[in-house]
C-alpha atoms as a PDB file:
ATOM      1  CA  MET A   1      79.254  90.554-107.975  1.00  0.00           C
ATOM      2  CA  ASP A   2      78.133  93.624-108.400  1.00  0.00           C
ATOM      3  CA  THR A   3      74.624  95.301-109.969  1.00  0.00           C
ATOM      4  CA  LEU A   4      76.528  97.677-111.500  1.00  0.00           C
ATOM      5  CA  TRP A   5      79.341  95.792-113.108  1.00  0.00           C
ATOM      6  CA  VAL A   6      76.648  93.167-114.529  1.00  0.00           C
ATOM      7  CA  VAL A   7      74.393  96.223-116.100  1.00  0.00           C
ATOM      8  CA  PHE A   8      77.354  97.792-117.679  1.00  0.00           C
ATOM      9  CA  ALA A   9      79.110  94.418-118.859  1.00  0.00           C
ATOM     10  CA  LEU A  10      75.612  93.136-120.631  1.00  0.00           C
ATOM     11  CA  CYS A  11      75.469  96.805-122.077  1.00  0.00           C
ATOM     12  CA  ARG A  12      78.278  96.596-123.776  1.00  0.00           C
ATOM     13  CA  ALA A  13      77.330  93.442-124.873  1.00  0.00           C
ATOM     14  CA  VAL A  14      74.130  94.208-127.215  1.00  0.00           C
ATOM     15  CA  SER A  15      76.068  97.353-128.667  1.00  0.00           C
ATOM     16  CA  ALA A  16      78.581  94.887-129.577  1.00  0.00           C
ATOM     17  CA  GLY A  17      76.344  92.627-131.145  1.00  0.00           C
ATOM     18  CA  ALA A  18      73.725  94.716-132.438  1.00  0.00           C
ATOM     19  CA  ALA A  19      76.803  96.235-134.724  1.00  0.00           C
ATOM     20  CA  ALA A  20      78.023  92.499-135.162  1.00  0.00           C
ATOM     21  CA  MET A  21      74.424  91.383-136.537  1.00  0.00           C
ATOM     22  CA  LEU A  22      74.485  94.201-138.710  1.00  0.00           C
ATOM     23  CA  PHE A  23      77.835  94.531-140.289  1.00  0.00           C
ATOM     24  CA  GLY A  24      77.154  90.448-140.664  1.00  0.00           C
ATOM     25  CA  ALA A  25      74.529  90.436-142.106  1.00  0.00           C
ATOM     26  CA  SER A  26      74.934  93.152-144.641  1.00  0.00           C
ATOM     27  CA  ALA A  27      78.098  92.068-145.637  1.00  0.00           C
ATOM     28  CA  MET A  28      76.552  88.593-146.784  1.00  0.00           C
ATOM     29  CA  LEU A  29      73.761  89.471-148.511  1.00  0.00           C
ATOM     30  CA  ALA A  30      77.249  91.266-150.667  1.00  0.00           C
ATOM     31  CA  LEU A  31      79.403  88.700-151.026  1.00  0.00           C
ATOM     32  CA  GLY A  32      75.963  85.879-151.703  1.00  0.00           C
ATOM     33  CA  GLY A  33      76.661  86.094-155.500  1.00  0.00           C
ATOM     34  CA  ALA A  34      72.738  85.935-155.923  1.00  0.00           C
ATOM     35  CA  PRO A  35      70.954  88.856-156.312  1.00  0.00           C
ATOM     36  CA  ARG A  36      67.621  87.655-156.231  1.00  0.00           C
ATOM     37  CA  LEU A  37      67.599  85.436-152.954  1.00  0.00           C
ATOM     38  CA  GLY A  38      70.128  88.367-151.502  1.00  0.00           C
ATOM     39  CA  VAL A  39      67.194  90.526-151.940  1.00  0.00           C
ATOM     40  CA  ALA A  40      64.387  87.989-150.631  1.00  0.00           C
ATOM     41  CA  ALA A  41      66.098  87.833-147.108  1.00  0.00           C
ATOM     42  CA  GLU A  42      67.318  91.235-146.942  1.00  0.00           C
ATOM     43  CA  THR A  43      63.516  92.058-147.350  1.00  0.00           C
ATOM     44  CA  ALA A  44      62.935  89.503-144.550  1.00  0.00           C
ATOM     45  CA  LEU A  45      65.252  90.451-142.182  1.00  0.00           C
ATOM     46  CA  ARG A  46      64.696  94.085-142.427  1.00  0.00           C
ATOM     47  CA  PRO A  47      62.488  94.518-139.391  1.00  0.00           C
ATOM     48  CA  ALA A  48      64.278  92.275-137.294  1.00  0.00           C
ATOM     49  CA  LEU A  49      67.740  94.146-138.101  1.00  0.00           C
ATOM     50  CA  LEU A  50      66.186  97.715-137.788  1.00  0.00           C
ATOM     51  CA  ARG A  51      65.174  96.597-134.049  1.00  0.00           C
ATOM     52  CA  ILE A  52      68.218  95.496-133.500  1.00  0.00           C
ATOM     53  CA  GLY A  53      70.047  98.202-134.884  1.00  0.00           C
ATOM     54  CA  ALA A  54      67.626 100.394-132.861  1.00  0.00           C
ATOM     55  CA  VAL A  55      68.638  98.284-129.384  1.00  0.00           C
ATOM     56  CA  GLY A  56      71.963  98.715-130.029  1.00  0.00           C
ATOM     57  CA  LEU A  57      72.423 102.229-129.992  1.00  0.00           C
ATOM     58  CA  VAL A  58      70.112 102.926-127.493  1.00  0.00           C
ATOM     59  CA  ALA A  59      72.781 101.085-125.768  1.00  0.00           C
ATOM     60  CA  THR A  60      75.624 102.569-126.634  1.00  0.00           C
ATOM     61  CA  LEU A  61      73.988 105.782-125.522  1.00  0.00           C
ATOM     62  CA  CYS A  62      74.540 104.011-121.882  1.00  0.00           C
ATOM     63  CA  LEU A  63      77.087 103.136-121.994  1.00  0.00           C
ATOM     64  CA  LEU A  64      78.870 106.321-120.851  1.00  0.00           C
ATOM     65  CA  PRO A  65      76.811 107.504-118.720  1.00  0.00           C
ATOM     66  CA  LEU A  66      77.460 103.396-116.986  1.00  0.00           C
ATOM     67  CA  GLN A  67      81.306 104.106-117.098  1.00  0.00           C
ATOM     68  CA  ALA A  68      81.210 107.849-115.474  1.00  0.00           C
ATOM     69  CA  ALA A  69      79.305 105.450-112.330  1.00  0.00           C
ATOM     70  CA  SER A  70      81.543 102.071-112.620  1.00  0.00           C
ATOM     71  CA  ILE A  71      84.477 105.121-112.006  1.00  0.00           C
ATOM     72  CA  ALA A  72      83.290 106.598-109.390  1.00  0.00           C
ATOM     73  CA  GLY A  73      80.973 103.322-108.136  1.00  0.00           C
ATOM     74  CA  ASP A  74      77.592 105.158-107.855  1.00  0.00           C
ATOM     75  CA  TRP A  75      75.061 105.152-109.795  1.00  0.00           C
ATOM     76  CA  ARG A  76      73.878 108.985-109.461  1.00  0.00           C
ATOM     77  CA  ALA A  77      77.012 109.572-111.088  1.00  0.00           C
ATOM     78  CA  MET A  78      75.336 109.193-114.294  1.00  0.00           C
ATOM     79  CA  LEU A  79      73.279 112.069-114.035  1.00  0.00           C
ATOM     80  CA  ASP A  80      76.578 113.802-112.911  1.00  0.00           C
ATOM     81  CA  GLY A  81      77.307 115.843-115.609  1.00  0.00           C
ATOM     82  CA  ASP A  82      80.479 117.669-114.579  1.00  0.00           C
ATOM     83  CA  MET A  83      82.035 113.820-114.197  1.00  0.00           C
ATOM     84  CA  LEU A  84      79.998 112.654-117.693  1.00  0.00           C
ATOM     85  CA  ASP A  85      82.482 115.725-119.339  1.00  0.00           C
ATOM     86  CA  THR A  86      85.040 114.441-117.820  1.00  0.00           C
ATOM     87  CA  VAL A  87      84.822 110.962-119.178  1.00  0.00           C
ATOM     88  CA  THR A  88      84.376 112.062-122.293  1.00  0.00           C
ATOM     89  CA  LEU A  89      86.652 114.709-122.820  1.00  0.00           C
ATOM     90  CA  GLN A  90      89.920 113.738-121.189  1.00  0.00           C
ATOM     91  CA  THR A  91      89.430 109.766-121.330  1.00  0.00           C
ATOM     92  CA  ARG A  92      90.591 107.095-124.438  1.00  0.00           C
ATOM     93  CA  TYR A  93      86.759 105.435-123.741  1.00  0.00           C
ATOM     94  CA  GLY A  94      85.096 108.673-123.224  1.00  0.00           C
ATOM     95  CA  GLN A  95      86.796 109.538-126.916  1.00  0.00           C
ATOM     96  CA  ALA A  96      86.331 105.903-128.691  1.00  0.00           C
ATOM     97  CA  TRP A  97      82.825 106.285-127.099  1.00  0.00           C
ATOM     98  CA  VAL A  98      81.748 109.516-128.931  1.00  0.00           C
ATOM     99  CA  LEU A  99      82.843 107.760-132.161  1.00  0.00           C
ATOM    100  CA  ARG A 100      81.231 104.408-131.107  1.00  0.00           C
ATOM    101  CA  ALA A 101      77.937 106.351-130.425  1.00  0.00           C
ATOM    102  CA  LEU A 102      78.211 108.640-133.595  1.00  0.00           C
ATOM    103  CA  CYS A 103      79.021 105.619-135.849  1.00  0.00           C
ATOM    104  CA  ALA A 104      75.738 103.476-134.532  1.00  0.00           C
ATOM    105  CA  ALA A 105      73.359 106.150-135.309  1.00  0.00           C
ATOM    106  CA  ALA A 106      74.930 107.021-138.384  1.00  0.00           C
ATOM    107  CA  VAL A 107      74.437 102.737-139.211  1.00  0.00           C
ATOM    108  CA  LEU A 108      70.791 102.841-138.230  1.00  0.00           C
ATOM    109  CA  GLY A 109      70.089 106.249-139.946  1.00  0.00           C
ATOM    110  CA  VAL A 110      71.614 104.007-143.646  1.00  0.00           C
ATOM    111  CA  ALA A 111      69.799 100.276-141.895  1.00  0.00           C
ATOM    112  CA  LEU A 112      66.189 103.198-142.203  1.00  0.00           C
ATOM    113  CA  GLY A 113      66.878 104.657-145.707  1.00  0.00           C
ATOM    114  CA  LEU A 114      68.422 102.121-147.473  1.00  0.00           C
ATOM    115  CA  ARG A 115      66.302  99.990-150.037  1.00  0.00           C
ATOM    116  CA  PRO A 116      66.856  96.122-150.080  1.00  0.00           C
ATOM    117  CA  GLY A 117      69.515  94.824-152.387  1.00  0.00           C
ATOM    118  CA  ARG A 118      72.165  97.430-152.121  1.00  0.00           C
ATOM    119  CA  PRO A 119      73.398  95.575-148.470  1.00  0.00           C
ATOM    120  CA  SER A 120      77.354  96.667-149.002  1.00  0.00           C
ATOM    121  CA  TRP A 121      76.287 100.574-148.593  1.00  0.00           C
ATOM    122  CA  LEU A 122      75.263  98.804-144.785  1.00  0.00           C
ATOM    123  CA  ALA A 123      77.822  96.832-144.851  1.00  0.00           C
ATOM    124  CA  GLY A 124      80.312  99.489-145.146  1.00  0.00           C
ATOM    125  CA  PRO A 125      79.344 101.828-142.209  1.00  0.00           C
ATOM    126  CA  ALA A 126      79.022  99.413-140.098  1.00  0.00           C
ATOM    127  CA  ALA A 127      82.460  97.719-140.868  1.00  0.00           C
ATOM    128  CA  VAL A 128      83.297 101.095-139.930  1.00  0.00           C
ATOM    129  CA  ALA A 129      80.980 101.769-136.413  1.00  0.00           C
ATOM    130  CA  LEU A 130      82.785  98.707-135.412  1.00  0.00           C
ATOM    131  CA  ALA A 131      86.073 100.030-135.014  1.00  0.00           C
ATOM    132  CA  PRO A 132      86.173 101.859-131.601  1.00  0.00           C
ATOM    133  CA  LEU A 133      85.993  98.578-130.682  1.00  0.00           C
ATOM    134  CA  ALA A 134      88.757  98.175-130.688  1.00  0.00           C
ATOM    135  CA  PHE A 135      89.979 101.268-129.144  1.00  0.00           C
ATOM    136  CA  SER A 136      87.932 101.162-126.206  1.00  0.00           C
ATOM    137  CA  GLY A 137      88.939  97.775-124.681  1.00  0.00           C
ATOM    138  CA  HIS A 138      91.787  96.072-123.970  1.00  0.00           C
ATOM    139  CA  ALA A 139      94.200  96.913-126.832  1.00  0.00           C
ATOM    140  CA  ALA A 140      94.065  99.976-124.745  1.00  0.00           C
ATOM    141  CA  MET A 141      96.392  99.014-122.451  1.00  0.00           C
ATOM    142  CA  HIS A 142      99.511  99.657-125.000  1.00  0.00           C
ATOM    143  CA  GLU A 143     100.659 102.664-126.286  1.00  0.00           C
ATOM    144  CA  GLY A 144     102.562 103.320-129.260  1.00  0.00           C
ATOM    145  CA  GLY A 145     103.479 100.574-132.364  1.00  0.00           C
ATOM    146  CA  TRP A 146     101.977  97.871-129.210  1.00  0.00           C
ATOM    147  CA  GLY A 147      98.711  99.801-129.427  1.00  0.00           C
ATOM    148  CA  VAL A 148      98.111 100.184-132.837  1.00  0.00           C
ATOM    149  CA  ALA A 149      99.229  96.330-133.401  1.00  0.00           C
ATOM    150  CA  HIS A 150      97.013  95.680-130.594  1.00  0.00           C
ATOM    151  CA  ALA A 151      94.830  97.408-132.158  1.00  0.00           C
ATOM    152  CA  ILE A 152      94.095  96.608-135.642  1.00  0.00           C
ATOM    153  CA  ASN A 153      94.376  92.906-134.729  1.00  0.00           C
ATOM    154  CA  ASP A 154      91.376  93.188-131.898  1.00  0.00           C
ATOM    155  CA  TYR A 155      89.999  94.954-134.905  1.00  0.00           C
ATOM    156  CA  LEU A 156      90.048  91.886-136.711  1.00  0.00           C
ATOM    157  CA  HIS A 157      89.243  89.995-134.149  1.00  0.00           C
ATOM    158  CA  VAL A 158      85.865  92.066-134.562  1.00  0.00           C
ATOM    159  CA  LEU A 159      84.930  91.544-137.639  1.00  0.00           C
ATOM    160  CA  ALA A 160      85.331  88.049-138.385  1.00  0.00           C
ATOM    161  CA  ALA A 161      83.950  87.155-135.087  1.00  0.00           C
ATOM    162  CA  ALA A 162      80.450  90.215-136.453  1.00  0.00           C
ATOM    163  CA  PHE A 163      80.798  88.275-139.708  1.00  0.00           C
ATOM    164  CA  TRP A 164      80.210  84.589-138.783  1.00  0.00           C
ATOM    165  CA  LEU A 165      78.031  85.496-136.002  1.00  0.00           C
ATOM    166  CA  GLY A 166      75.325  88.255-138.847  1.00  0.00           C
ATOM    167  CA  SER A 167      75.968  85.987-141.282  1.00  0.00           C
ATOM    168  CA  LEU A 168      73.897  82.868-139.680  1.00  0.00           C
ATOM    169  CA  PRO A 169      70.179  84.984-139.291  1.00  0.00           C
ATOM    170  CA  VAL A 170      71.205  85.288-143.416  1.00  0.00           C
ATOM    171  CA  PHE A 171      72.324  81.690-144.067  1.00  0.00           C
ATOM    172  CA  LEU A 172      69.195  80.455-142.431  1.00  0.00           C
ATOM    173  CA  SER A 173      67.140  81.849-145.031  1.00  0.00           C
ATOM    174  CA  TRP A 174      69.101  80.245-148.050  1.00  0.00           C
ATOM    175  CA  LEU A 175      68.929  77.291-146.302  1.00  0.00           C
ATOM    176  CA  ALA A 176      65.368  77.520-146.911  1.00  0.00           C
ATOM    177  CA  ALA A 177      64.866  78.690-150.646  1.00  0.00           C
ATOM    178  CA  TRP A 178      67.008  75.355-151.109  1.00  0.00           C
ATOM    179  CA  GLN A 179      64.027  73.204-150.685  1.00  0.00           C
ATOM    180  CA  ARG A 180      62.347  75.348-153.383  1.00  0.00           C
ATOM    181  CA  PRO A 181      63.434  73.832-156.898  1.00  0.00           C
ATOM    182  CA  HIS A 182      63.345  76.836-158.418  1.00  0.00           C
ATOM    183  CA  ALA A 183      65.546  78.521-156.626  1.00  0.00           C
ATOM    184  CA  ARG A 184      68.285  76.040-155.677  1.00  0.00           C
ATOM    185  CA  VAL A 185      70.233  77.068-158.400  1.00  0.00           C
ATOM    186  CA  GLU A 186      71.268  80.660-157.354  1.00  0.00           C
ATOM    187  CA  ALA A 187      70.712  78.776-153.187  1.00  0.00           C
ATOM    188  CA  THR A 188      73.525  76.649-153.269  1.00  0.00           C
ATOM    189  CA  ARG A 189      75.751  79.202-155.307  1.00  0.00           C
ATOM    190  CA  ALA A 190      74.533  81.723-151.900  1.00  0.00           C
ATOM    191  CA  LEU A 191      75.138  78.509-149.526  1.00  0.00           C
ATOM    192  CA  LEU A 192      78.969  77.345-150.991  1.00  0.00           C
ATOM    193  CA  ARG A 193      80.101  81.242-150.478  1.00  0.00           C
ATOM    194  CA  PHE A 194      78.584  81.681-147.415  1.00  0.00           C
ATOM    195  CA  SER A 195      80.742  78.108-146.733  1.00  0.00           C
ATOM    196  CA  ALA A 196      83.935  80.132-147.867  1.00  0.00           C
ATOM    197  CA  TRP A 197      83.844  83.578-146.831  1.00  0.00           C
ATOM    198  CA  GLY A 198      83.014  81.323-143.024  1.00  0.00           C
ATOM    199  CA  HIS A 199      86.145  79.355-143.145  1.00  0.00           C
ATOM    200  CA  VAL A 200      88.139  82.715-143.980  1.00  0.00           C
ATOM    201  CA  ALA A 201      86.283  84.428-140.858  1.00  0.00           C
ATOM    202  CA  VAL A 202      87.385  81.429-138.266  1.00  0.00           C
ATOM    203  CA  GLY A 203      90.524  81.140-139.697  1.00  0.00           C
ATOM    204  CA  VAL A 204      90.992  84.818-139.029  1.00  0.00           C
ATOM    205  CA  LEU A 205      89.193  84.940-135.547  1.00  0.00           C
ATOM    206  CA  LEU A 206      91.468  81.631-134.044  1.00  0.00           C
ATOM    207  CA  VAL A 207      94.649  83.390-135.295  1.00  0.00           C
ATOM    208  CA  SER A 208      93.303  86.802-133.756  1.00  0.00           C
ATOM    209  CA  GLY A 209      92.825  85.550-130.794  1.00  0.00           C
ATOM    210  CA  VAL A 210      95.404  83.609-130.056  1.00  0.00           C
ATOM    211  CA  ALA A 211      97.146  86.946-130.904  1.00  0.00           C
ATOM    212  CA  ASN A 212      95.134  89.120-128.511  1.00  0.00           C
ATOM    213  CA  ALA A 213      95.403  86.630-125.746  1.00  0.00           C
ATOM    214  CA  ALA A 214      99.176  86.572-125.978  1.00  0.00           C
ATOM    215  CA  LEU A 215      99.443  90.528-126.197  1.00  0.00           C
ATOM    216  CA  ILE A 216      96.768  91.298-122.847  1.00  0.00           C
ATOM    217  CA  LEU A 217      97.985  88.143-121.401  1.00  0.00           C
ATOM    218  CA  GLY A 218     101.304  88.241-122.242  1.00  0.00           C
ATOM    219  CA  PRO A 219     104.533  85.543-122.180  1.00  0.00           C
ATOM    220  CA  ALA A 220     103.493  83.939-119.062  1.00  0.00           C
ATOM    221  CA  VAL A 221     101.625  80.968-118.165  1.00  0.00           C
ATOM    222  CA  LEU A 222      98.141  81.205-117.735  1.00  0.00           C
ATOM    223  CA  ASP A 223      97.484  81.115-114.445  1.00  0.00           C
ATOM    224  CA  THR A 224      94.301  79.914-113.597  1.00  0.00           C
ATOM    225  CA  GLY A 225      93.483  80.735-110.715  1.00  0.00           C
ATOM    226  CA  SER A 226      92.511  84.167-112.301  1.00  0.00           C
ATOM    227  CA  ALA A 227      89.466  84.933-112.921  1.00  0.00           C
ATOM    228  CA  TYR A 228      89.920  87.703-115.845  1.00  0.00           C
ATOM    229  CA  VAL A 229      91.761  83.741-117.412  1.00  0.00           C
ATOM    230  CA  ARG A 230      89.072  81.502-116.638  1.00  0.00           C
ATOM    231  CA  VAL A 231      86.441  84.012-118.130  1.00  0.00           C
ATOM    232  CA  LEU A 232      89.163  83.903-120.957  1.00  0.00           C
ATOM    233  CA  LEU A 233      88.847  80.432-120.998  1.00  0.00           C
ATOM    234  CA  LEU A 234      85.081  79.840-120.949  1.00  0.00           C
ATOM    235  CA  LYS A 235      85.227  82.334-123.964  1.00  0.00           C
ATOM    236  CA  VAL A 236      87.362  79.881-126.036  1.00  0.00           C
ATOM    237  CA  ALA A 237      85.638  76.693-125.432  1.00  0.00           C
ATOM    238  CA  LEU A 238      81.783  78.408-126.521  1.00  0.00           C
ATOM    239  CA  ALA A 239      83.909  79.172-129.608  1.00  0.00           C
ATOM    240  CA  LEU A 240      85.450  76.007-130.533  1.00  0.00           C
ATOM    241  CA  ALA A 241      82.097  74.792-129.883  1.00  0.00           C
ATOM    242  CA  MET A 242      80.470  77.434-132.247  1.00  0.00           C
ATOM    243  CA  THR A 243      83.457  76.012-134.716  1.00  0.00           C
ATOM    244  CA  GLY A 244      82.359  72.563-134.151  1.00  0.00           C
ATOM    245  CA  LEU A 245      78.419  72.510-134.803  1.00  0.00           C
ATOM    246  CA  ALA A 246      79.960  74.829-138.238  1.00  0.00           C
ATOM    247  CA  LEU A 247      82.188  71.908-139.460  1.00  0.00           C
ATOM    248  CA  ALA A 248      79.293  69.932-138.483  1.00  0.00           C
ATOM    249  CA  ASN A 249      77.193  70.989-140.847  1.00  0.00           C
ATOM    250  CA  ARG A 250      80.043  71.535-143.511  1.00  0.00           C
ATOM    251  CA  TYR A 251      81.197  68.433-143.450  1.00  0.00           C
ATOM    252  CA  ARG A 252      79.072  66.338-142.241  1.00  0.00           C
ATOM    253  CA  TRP A 253      75.074  67.622-143.572  1.00  0.00           C
ATOM    254  CA  ILE A 254      75.776  69.187-146.585  1.00  0.00           C
ATOM    255  CA  ALA A 255      76.976  65.972-147.701  1.00  0.00           C
ATOM    256  CA  ARG A 256      74.484  64.118-146.990  1.00  0.00           C
ATOM    257  CA  ILE A 257      72.148  66.835-147.525  1.00  0.00           C
ATOM    258  CA  ARG A 258      70.460  64.860-151.128  1.00  0.00           C
ATOM    259  CA  LYS A 259      70.229  61.487-149.885  1.00  0.00           C
ATOM    260  CA  GLN A 260      68.998  62.771-146.566  1.00  0.00           C
ATOM    261  CA  PRO A 261      67.406  66.055-146.886  1.00  0.00           C
ATOM    262  CA  VAL A 262      64.813  66.364-144.275  1.00  0.00           C
ATOM    263  CA  ARG A 263      67.474  64.608-141.861  1.00  0.00           C
ATOM    264  CA  ALA A 264      70.083  66.842-143.271  1.00  0.00           C
ATOM    265  CA  LEU A 265      68.194  70.422-143.471  1.00  0.00           C
ATOM    266  CA  ARG A 266      67.192  69.363-139.986  1.00  0.00           C
ATOM    267  CA  ALA A 267      70.168  69.069-138.398  1.00  0.00           C
ATOM    268  CA  ILE A 268      71.612  72.149-139.770  1.00  0.00           C
ATOM    269  CA  ARG A 269      68.854  74.061-138.888  1.00  0.00           C
ATOM    270  CA  ARG A 270      69.781  72.643-135.159  1.00  0.00           C
ATOM    271  CA  ASN A 271      73.152  73.696-135.021  1.00  0.00           C
ATOM    272  CA  THR A 272      73.304  76.970-136.790  1.00  0.00           C
ATOM    273  CA  VAL A 273      70.371  78.075-134.337  1.00  0.00           C
ATOM    274  CA  ALA A 274      73.018  76.474-131.438  1.00  0.00           C
ATOM    275  CA  GLU A 275      75.478  78.419-132.701  1.00  0.00           C
ATOM    276  CA  LEU A 276      73.737  81.709-132.642  1.00  0.00           C
ATOM    277  CA  ALA A 277      72.700  80.478-129.030  1.00  0.00           C
ATOM    278  CA  LEU A 278      76.495  80.468-128.127  1.00  0.00           C
ATOM    279  CA  GLY A 279      77.007  83.370-130.073  1.00  0.00           C
ATOM    280  CA  ALA A 280      75.172  85.480-126.991  1.00  0.00           C
ATOM    281  CA  ALA A 281      77.369  83.532-124.736  1.00  0.00           C
ATOM    282  CA  VAL A 282      79.970  84.496-125.937  1.00  0.00           C
ATOM    283  CA  LEU A 283      79.067  88.268-126.473  1.00  0.00           C
ATOM    284  CA  VAL A 284      78.168  88.393-123.224  1.00  0.00           C
ATOM    285  CA  ILE A 285      81.814  87.279-121.579  1.00  0.00           C
ATOM    286  CA  VAL A 286      83.651  89.961-124.634  1.00  0.00           C
ATOM    287  CA  GLY A 287      81.084  91.925-122.707  1.00  0.00           C
ATOM    288  CA  ALA A 288      82.138  91.180-119.205  1.00  0.00           C
ATOM    289  CA  LEU A 289      86.343  90.777-119.926  1.00  0.00           C
ATOM    290  CA  GLY A 290      86.293  94.175-120.692  1.00  0.00           C
ATOM    291  CA  LEU A 291      85.798  95.111-117.622  1.00  0.00           C
ATOM    292  CA  MET A 292      87.840  92.601-115.870  1.00  0.00           C
ATOM    293  CA  PRO A 293      92.317  93.308-115.115  1.00  0.00           C
ATOM    294  CA  PRO A 294      93.978  91.084-116.921  1.00  0.00           C
ATOM    295  CA  SER A 295      95.389  89.421-114.078  1.00  0.00           C
END
């Protein structure tokens, strides 16, 4: 496995992951219906989100030079002005990258200037910042109506995945607040909102994921001898594991939280942290899949 390819895949994963965390966290804070707890969670998460946004911007800026080096098969192409101009101006990837870099910078700027209590002001720009991801991957393989359909489906898939992953730290904050008697009513309302929107996100994620695989691979039977298909199946397995953990939290441990609070809370936290870890692994796989031929 080429070192350049590995660095490129990891950079793609970091860039996408940062955008996902910023969107998911801010969107869940906006939809939580718990203004007081929302401000507290936003304040606590703000330093981490700002660092994530900064790292994501750096990773995004690195993508174009890495694309140039990948095309040329030479690290030195990252510093070749003519090559960078060609990739930026004459490829769909380069055009999407310009928009992506501008959006990443704008989102970080909004996050830096925004006071806690207005998460929707960040969620909107963060959602827009995720759009170029749908135009710089395998969605670009189609033209015309199929290309538009693929890009829209890909965007819905990205939004749903970003919401799920980015909302998990907010969920952990509200879960901690639930343990404080004076905050329990508001925390319960927020957790129920998280559950409802989580169901929507997982449903959209699964349906759009199946559609995306069909659009990329076509009607042919899956060829498990293909490296792309094997990696795709690994991604599906990890996503299903995340779904299983989420369902266990919702329908097993939440139901026991009043009778067995210590055990249930410990299990919910453990499962949620595991979801985050699996989500990070999925991001790495997505970063790799975008660089692999679907054959």
